[in-house]
N, C-alpha and C. Protein backbone atom coordinates (compact mmCIF):
# COMPACT_ATOMS: atom_id res chain seq x y z
N UNK A 1 142.49 119.69 33.47
CA UNK A 1 143.03 118.50 32.85
C UNK A 1 144.42 118.27 33.43
N UNK A 2 144.76 117.01 33.78
CA UNK A 2 146.08 116.74 34.33
C UNK A 2 147.17 117.10 33.34
N UNK A 3 148.23 117.67 33.86
CA UNK A 3 149.37 118.01 33.01
C UNK A 3 150.63 117.43 33.65
N UNK A 4 150.77 116.12 33.56
CA UNK A 4 151.92 115.46 34.15
C UNK A 4 152.67 114.70 33.09
N UNK A 5 153.94 114.52 33.31
CA UNK A 5 154.77 113.71 32.43
C UNK A 5 154.65 112.28 32.91
N UNK A 6 154.14 111.40 32.06
CA UNK A 6 153.91 110.02 32.45
C UNK A 6 155.20 109.32 32.84
N UNK A 7 156.35 109.78 32.37
CA UNK A 7 157.62 109.15 32.69
C UNK A 7 158.36 109.84 33.83
N UNK A 8 157.78 110.88 34.39
CA UNK A 8 158.46 111.61 35.47
C UNK A 8 158.57 110.74 36.70
N UNK A 9 159.70 110.83 37.38
CA UNK A 9 159.93 110.08 38.59
C UNK A 9 159.97 111.00 39.77
N UNK A 10 159.43 110.56 40.85
CA UNK A 10 159.51 111.29 42.10
C UNK A 10 160.76 110.77 42.81
N UNK A 11 161.80 111.58 42.99
CA UNK A 11 163.03 111.10 43.59
C UNK A 11 162.85 110.65 45.03
N UNK A 12 161.80 111.10 45.69
CA UNK A 12 161.56 110.69 47.07
C UNK A 12 160.83 109.37 47.16
N UNK A 13 160.35 108.85 46.05
CA UNK A 13 159.57 107.63 46.05
C UNK A 13 160.43 106.48 45.53
N UNK A 14 160.87 105.62 46.43
CA UNK A 14 161.75 104.51 46.05
C UNK A 14 161.02 103.49 45.20
N UNK A 15 159.69 103.56 45.17
CA UNK A 15 158.91 102.59 44.42
C UNK A 15 158.50 103.08 43.04
N UNK A 16 159.01 104.22 42.59
CA UNK A 16 158.64 104.75 41.27
C UNK A 16 159.05 103.76 40.19
N UNK A 17 158.20 103.63 39.18
CA UNK A 17 158.48 102.70 38.08
C UNK A 17 159.11 103.43 36.93
N UNK A 18 159.98 102.74 36.20
CA UNK A 18 160.51 103.29 34.96
C UNK A 18 160.02 102.43 33.82
N UNK A 19 159.94 103.00 32.65
CA UNK A 19 159.42 102.28 31.49
C UNK A 19 160.32 101.13 31.09
N UNK A 20 161.63 101.24 31.33
CA UNK A 20 162.57 100.21 30.88
C UNK A 20 162.43 98.90 31.63
N UNK A 21 162.39 98.94 32.96
CA UNK A 21 162.47 97.70 33.71
C UNK A 21 161.13 97.23 34.24
N UNK A 22 160.05 97.88 33.93
CA UNK A 22 158.76 97.46 34.46
C UNK A 22 157.69 97.32 33.39
N UNK A 23 158.06 97.11 32.14
CA UNK A 23 157.05 97.02 31.09
C UNK A 23 156.12 95.83 31.31
N UNK A 24 156.64 94.73 31.87
CA UNK A 24 155.79 93.58 32.15
C UNK A 24 154.72 93.93 33.18
N UNK A 25 155.12 94.66 34.24
CA UNK A 25 154.16 95.06 35.26
C UNK A 25 153.10 95.98 34.69
N UNK A 26 153.50 96.91 33.84
CA UNK A 26 152.56 97.84 33.24
C UNK A 26 151.58 97.10 32.35
N UNK A 27 152.07 96.13 31.58
CA UNK A 27 151.18 95.35 30.73
C UNK A 27 150.18 94.57 31.58
N UNK A 28 150.63 94.03 32.71
CA UNK A 28 149.74 93.29 33.59
C UNK A 28 148.67 94.21 34.18
N UNK A 29 149.07 95.43 34.56
CA UNK A 29 148.12 96.39 35.10
C UNK A 29 147.09 96.76 34.05
N UNK A 30 147.52 96.91 32.81
CA UNK A 30 146.59 97.28 31.74
C UNK A 30 145.56 96.19 31.50
N UNK A 31 145.95 94.93 31.72
CA UNK A 31 145.00 93.83 31.55
C UNK A 31 143.85 93.94 32.55
N UNK A 32 144.10 94.53 33.73
CA UNK A 32 143.06 94.63 34.74
C UNK A 32 142.19 95.86 34.56
N UNK A 33 142.50 96.69 33.57
CA UNK A 33 141.80 97.95 33.36
C UNK A 33 140.81 97.82 32.22
N UNK A 34 139.57 98.17 32.48
CA UNK A 34 138.55 98.14 31.43
C UNK A 34 137.98 99.54 31.31
N UNK A 35 138.26 100.17 30.18
CA UNK A 35 137.70 101.49 29.91
C UNK A 35 136.63 101.30 28.86
N UNK A 36 135.44 101.72 29.18
CA UNK A 36 134.30 101.55 28.29
C UNK A 36 134.11 102.82 27.50
N UNK A 37 134.07 102.71 26.18
CA UNK A 37 133.86 103.89 25.33
C UNK A 37 132.46 104.43 25.56
N UNK A 38 132.32 105.74 25.47
CA UNK A 38 131.04 106.41 25.74
C UNK A 38 129.90 105.89 24.87
N UNK A 39 130.18 105.59 23.60
CA UNK A 39 129.13 105.19 22.69
C UNK A 39 129.24 103.73 22.27
N UNK A 40 129.81 102.91 23.13
CA UNK A 40 129.97 101.50 22.80
C UNK A 40 128.61 100.82 22.73
N UNK A 41 128.41 100.04 21.69
CA UNK A 41 127.14 99.35 21.50
C UNK A 41 127.14 97.98 22.18
N UNK A 42 128.32 97.47 22.52
CA UNK A 42 128.42 96.11 23.04
C UNK A 42 128.47 96.08 24.57
N UNK A 43 127.76 96.98 25.22
CA UNK A 43 127.75 97.03 26.67
C UNK A 43 127.13 95.74 27.23
N UNK A 44 127.76 95.18 28.26
CA UNK A 44 127.29 93.96 28.88
C UNK A 44 126.35 94.30 30.03
N UNK A 45 125.03 94.17 29.84
CA UNK A 45 124.10 94.53 30.90
C UNK A 45 124.16 93.60 32.09
N UNK A 46 124.80 92.43 31.95
CA UNK A 46 124.89 91.48 33.04
C UNK A 46 126.19 91.60 33.82
N UNK A 47 126.97 92.62 33.55
CA UNK A 47 128.23 92.82 34.27
C UNK A 47 127.95 92.89 35.76
N UNK A 48 128.70 92.12 36.53
CA UNK A 48 128.49 92.11 37.99
C UNK A 48 128.80 93.46 38.62
N UNK A 49 129.66 94.25 38.01
CA UNK A 49 129.98 95.58 38.56
C UNK A 49 128.93 96.62 38.18
N UNK A 50 128.15 96.36 37.14
CA UNK A 50 127.10 97.30 36.74
C UNK A 50 125.93 97.29 37.72
N UNK A 51 125.81 96.22 38.49
CA UNK A 51 124.69 96.08 39.41
C UNK A 51 124.97 96.65 40.80
N UNK A 52 126.21 97.04 41.06
CA UNK A 52 126.59 97.54 42.38
C UNK A 52 126.17 99.00 42.52
N UNK A 53 125.57 99.33 43.66
CA UNK A 53 125.14 100.71 43.91
C UNK A 53 126.36 101.58 44.22
N UNK A 54 126.40 102.77 43.63
CA UNK A 54 127.48 103.73 43.87
C UNK A 54 126.84 105.03 44.34
N UNK A 55 127.31 105.54 45.48
CA UNK A 55 126.80 106.81 45.99
C UNK A 55 127.14 107.93 45.01
N UNK A 56 126.22 108.84 44.85
CA UNK A 56 126.43 109.99 43.96
C UNK A 56 126.45 111.25 44.80
N UNK A 57 127.65 111.56 45.29
CA UNK A 57 127.84 112.74 46.14
C UNK A 57 128.98 113.58 45.58
N UNK A 58 129.07 114.81 46.04
CA UNK A 58 130.13 115.71 45.59
C UNK A 58 131.50 115.14 45.93
N UNK A 59 131.63 114.50 47.09
CA UNK A 59 132.94 114.03 47.54
C UNK A 59 133.52 112.89 46.69
N UNK A 60 132.70 112.18 45.94
CA UNK A 60 133.25 111.11 45.09
C UNK A 60 133.03 111.38 43.60
N UNK A 61 132.80 112.64 43.26
CA UNK A 61 132.63 113.05 41.85
C UNK A 61 134.02 113.20 41.22
N UNK A 62 134.21 112.59 40.06
CA UNK A 62 135.52 112.60 39.40
C UNK A 62 135.38 112.84 37.91
N UNK A 63 136.47 113.25 37.31
CA UNK A 63 136.58 113.38 35.86
C UNK A 63 137.65 112.36 35.45
N UNK A 64 137.35 111.52 34.49
CA UNK A 64 138.26 110.46 34.07
C UNK A 64 138.97 110.85 32.79
N UNK A 65 140.30 110.83 32.84
CA UNK A 65 141.15 111.07 31.68
C UNK A 65 142.01 109.83 31.47
N UNK A 66 142.28 109.52 30.21
CA UNK A 66 143.16 108.41 29.87
C UNK A 66 144.28 108.96 29.01
N UNK A 67 145.52 108.58 29.34
CA UNK A 67 146.67 109.01 28.56
C UNK A 67 146.79 108.11 27.34
N UNK A 68 146.62 108.70 26.16
CA UNK A 68 146.65 107.95 24.90
C UNK A 68 148.08 107.66 24.46
N UNK A 69 148.21 106.83 23.44
CA UNK A 69 149.53 106.49 22.89
C UNK A 69 150.29 107.72 22.42
N UNK A 70 149.57 108.74 21.99
CA UNK A 70 150.20 109.96 21.50
C UNK A 70 150.56 110.91 22.64
N UNK A 71 150.48 110.45 23.89
CA UNK A 71 150.78 111.25 25.08
C UNK A 71 149.85 112.45 25.21
N UNK A 72 148.59 112.24 24.85
CA UNK A 72 147.56 113.27 24.95
C UNK A 72 146.48 112.74 25.89
N UNK A 73 145.98 113.60 26.77
CA UNK A 73 144.93 113.20 27.70
C UNK A 73 143.58 113.20 26.99
N UNK A 74 142.86 112.07 27.06
CA UNK A 74 141.55 111.91 26.44
C UNK A 74 140.48 111.93 27.54
N UNK A 75 139.55 112.86 27.46
CA UNK A 75 138.47 113.01 28.45
C UNK A 75 137.42 111.93 28.21
N UNK A 76 137.23 111.05 29.19
CA UNK A 76 136.26 109.97 29.06
C UNK A 76 134.92 110.30 29.70
N UNK A 77 134.86 111.37 30.50
CA UNK A 77 133.58 111.76 31.08
C UNK A 77 133.68 112.05 32.56
N UNK A 78 132.56 112.50 33.11
CA UNK A 78 132.46 112.83 34.53
C UNK A 78 131.51 111.83 35.18
N UNK A 79 131.88 111.38 36.37
CA UNK A 79 131.05 110.41 37.06
C UNK A 79 131.37 110.36 38.54
N UNK A 80 131.03 109.24 39.14
CA UNK A 80 131.27 109.03 40.56
C UNK A 80 132.09 107.76 40.72
N UNK A 81 133.06 107.81 41.65
CA UNK A 81 134.00 106.71 41.84
C UNK A 81 133.71 105.98 43.14
N UNK A 82 133.99 104.68 43.12
CA UNK A 82 133.86 103.87 44.33
C UNK A 82 134.84 102.70 44.23
N UNK A 83 135.33 102.27 45.38
CA UNK A 83 136.12 101.04 45.47
C UNK A 83 135.15 99.98 45.99
N UNK A 84 134.94 98.95 45.20
CA UNK A 84 133.91 97.97 45.54
C UNK A 84 134.47 96.55 45.47
N UNK A 85 134.05 95.70 46.41
CA UNK A 85 134.43 94.29 46.32
C UNK A 85 133.63 93.63 45.21
N UNK A 86 134.25 92.72 44.51
CA UNK A 86 133.57 92.03 43.42
C UNK A 86 132.68 90.93 43.98
N UNK A 87 131.41 90.90 43.60
CA UNK A 87 130.54 89.84 44.07
C UNK A 87 130.83 88.49 43.40
N UNK A 88 131.57 88.51 42.30
CA UNK A 88 131.85 87.27 41.57
C UNK A 88 133.27 86.76 41.71
N UNK A 89 134.19 87.60 42.18
CA UNK A 89 135.59 87.20 42.33
C UNK A 89 135.99 87.42 43.78
N UNK A 90 135.99 86.36 44.57
CA UNK A 90 136.27 86.47 46.00
C UNK A 90 137.63 87.12 46.25
N UNK A 91 137.66 88.13 47.10
CA UNK A 91 138.89 88.82 47.46
C UNK A 91 139.31 89.91 46.49
N UNK A 92 138.62 90.06 45.38
CA UNK A 92 138.97 91.09 44.39
C UNK A 92 138.22 92.38 44.69
N UNK A 93 138.94 93.50 44.54
CA UNK A 93 138.35 94.82 44.71
C UNK A 93 138.59 95.62 43.44
N UNK A 94 137.60 96.40 43.04
CA UNK A 94 137.67 97.18 41.81
C UNK A 94 137.45 98.66 42.08
N UNK A 95 138.11 99.50 41.29
CA UNK A 95 137.79 100.92 41.23
C UNK A 95 136.80 101.05 40.08
N UNK A 96 135.63 101.60 40.38
CA UNK A 96 134.58 101.75 39.38
C UNK A 96 134.22 103.22 39.27
N UNK A 97 134.14 103.72 38.03
CA UNK A 97 133.64 105.08 37.78
C UNK A 97 132.39 104.93 36.94
N UNK A 98 131.27 105.43 37.47
CA UNK A 98 129.99 105.38 36.77
C UNK A 98 129.63 106.78 36.30
N UNK A 99 129.17 106.89 35.05
CA UNK A 99 128.82 108.19 34.48
C UNK A 99 127.82 108.92 35.36
N UNK A 100 127.97 110.23 35.37
CA UNK A 100 127.18 111.09 36.25
C UNK A 100 125.68 111.02 35.99
N UNK A 101 125.27 110.99 34.73
CA UNK A 101 123.85 111.06 34.41
C UNK A 101 123.32 109.78 33.77
N UNK A 102 123.97 108.65 34.06
CA UNK A 102 123.46 107.37 33.57
C UNK A 102 123.97 106.26 34.49
N UNK A 103 123.61 105.05 34.17
CA UNK A 103 124.04 103.90 34.97
C UNK A 103 125.18 103.14 34.29
N UNK A 104 125.90 103.79 33.40
CA UNK A 104 126.97 103.13 32.64
C UNK A 104 128.32 103.34 33.31
N UNK A 105 129.06 102.25 33.51
CA UNK A 105 130.42 102.33 34.04
C UNK A 105 131.37 102.72 32.92
N UNK A 106 132.23 103.71 33.18
CA UNK A 106 133.23 104.09 32.18
C UNK A 106 134.61 103.59 32.59
N UNK A 107 134.74 103.07 33.81
CA UNK A 107 136.00 102.48 34.25
C UNK A 107 135.71 101.36 35.22
N UNK A 108 136.35 100.22 34.98
CA UNK A 108 136.32 99.09 35.91
C UNK A 108 137.75 98.58 35.98
N UNK A 109 138.43 98.87 37.08
CA UNK A 109 139.84 98.53 37.21
C UNK A 109 140.07 97.72 38.48
N UNK A 110 140.55 96.51 38.31
CA UNK A 110 140.85 95.67 39.47
C UNK A 110 142.07 96.23 40.18
N UNK A 111 141.97 96.34 41.50
CA UNK A 111 143.09 96.84 42.30
C UNK A 111 144.05 95.67 42.53
N UNK A 112 145.27 95.83 42.05
CA UNK A 112 146.30 94.81 42.22
C UNK A 112 147.23 95.23 43.34
N UNK A 113 147.65 94.29 44.16
CA UNK A 113 148.48 94.61 45.32
C UNK A 113 149.83 95.23 44.93
N UNK A 114 150.36 94.89 43.75
CA UNK A 114 151.66 95.42 43.36
C UNK A 114 151.57 96.70 42.54
N UNK A 115 150.36 97.24 42.36
CA UNK A 115 150.20 98.52 41.66
C UNK A 115 150.55 99.66 42.60
N UNK A 116 151.34 100.58 42.09
CA UNK A 116 151.73 101.75 42.89
C UNK A 116 150.93 102.95 42.40
N UNK A 117 150.16 103.52 43.29
CA UNK A 117 149.39 104.72 42.97
C UNK A 117 150.15 105.92 43.50
N UNK A 118 150.28 106.96 42.69
CA UNK A 118 151.01 108.16 43.09
C UNK A 118 150.13 109.38 42.93
N UNK A 119 150.27 110.29 43.86
CA UNK A 119 149.57 111.56 43.76
C UNK A 119 150.37 112.45 42.82
N UNK A 120 149.78 112.81 41.67
CA UNK A 120 150.47 113.61 40.66
C UNK A 120 150.27 115.10 40.89
N UNK A 121 149.10 115.47 41.34
CA UNK A 121 148.75 116.85 41.65
C UNK A 121 147.84 116.80 42.87
N UNK A 122 147.37 117.94 43.31
CA UNK A 122 146.49 117.97 44.47
C UNK A 122 145.26 117.10 44.25
N UNK A 123 144.75 117.10 43.03
CA UNK A 123 143.52 116.36 42.76
C UNK A 123 143.67 115.31 41.66
N UNK A 124 144.88 114.86 41.38
CA UNK A 124 145.08 113.85 40.33
C UNK A 124 145.92 112.70 40.86
N UNK A 125 145.42 111.49 40.61
CA UNK A 125 146.16 110.29 41.02
C UNK A 125 146.54 109.52 39.78
């Protein structure tokens, strides 16, 4: 399980965000993030991202954790990740995580050009 401080800054990274001056950017990023609960009954079977094929190999196997309001990591499940172009939104690309033993997406996150991704650990982004 990742053990990082969500507010920690990398002094070598000039693009690191702080909570004080980038709350608008963080809110915008959260709008592009869709985390589907494991037992949600309102799953949309017509989702355009649900129809995209995702390879199921060891190299793209991931465990998804979400940092909760209480600063605790919540395990959302194990699946396979892919970066896929959206068939319905021209020019949009999404990070999709599909559960390992089903066809349900547990993460659909639009990649925004101004989002900064940082390597937190050897295997955590």
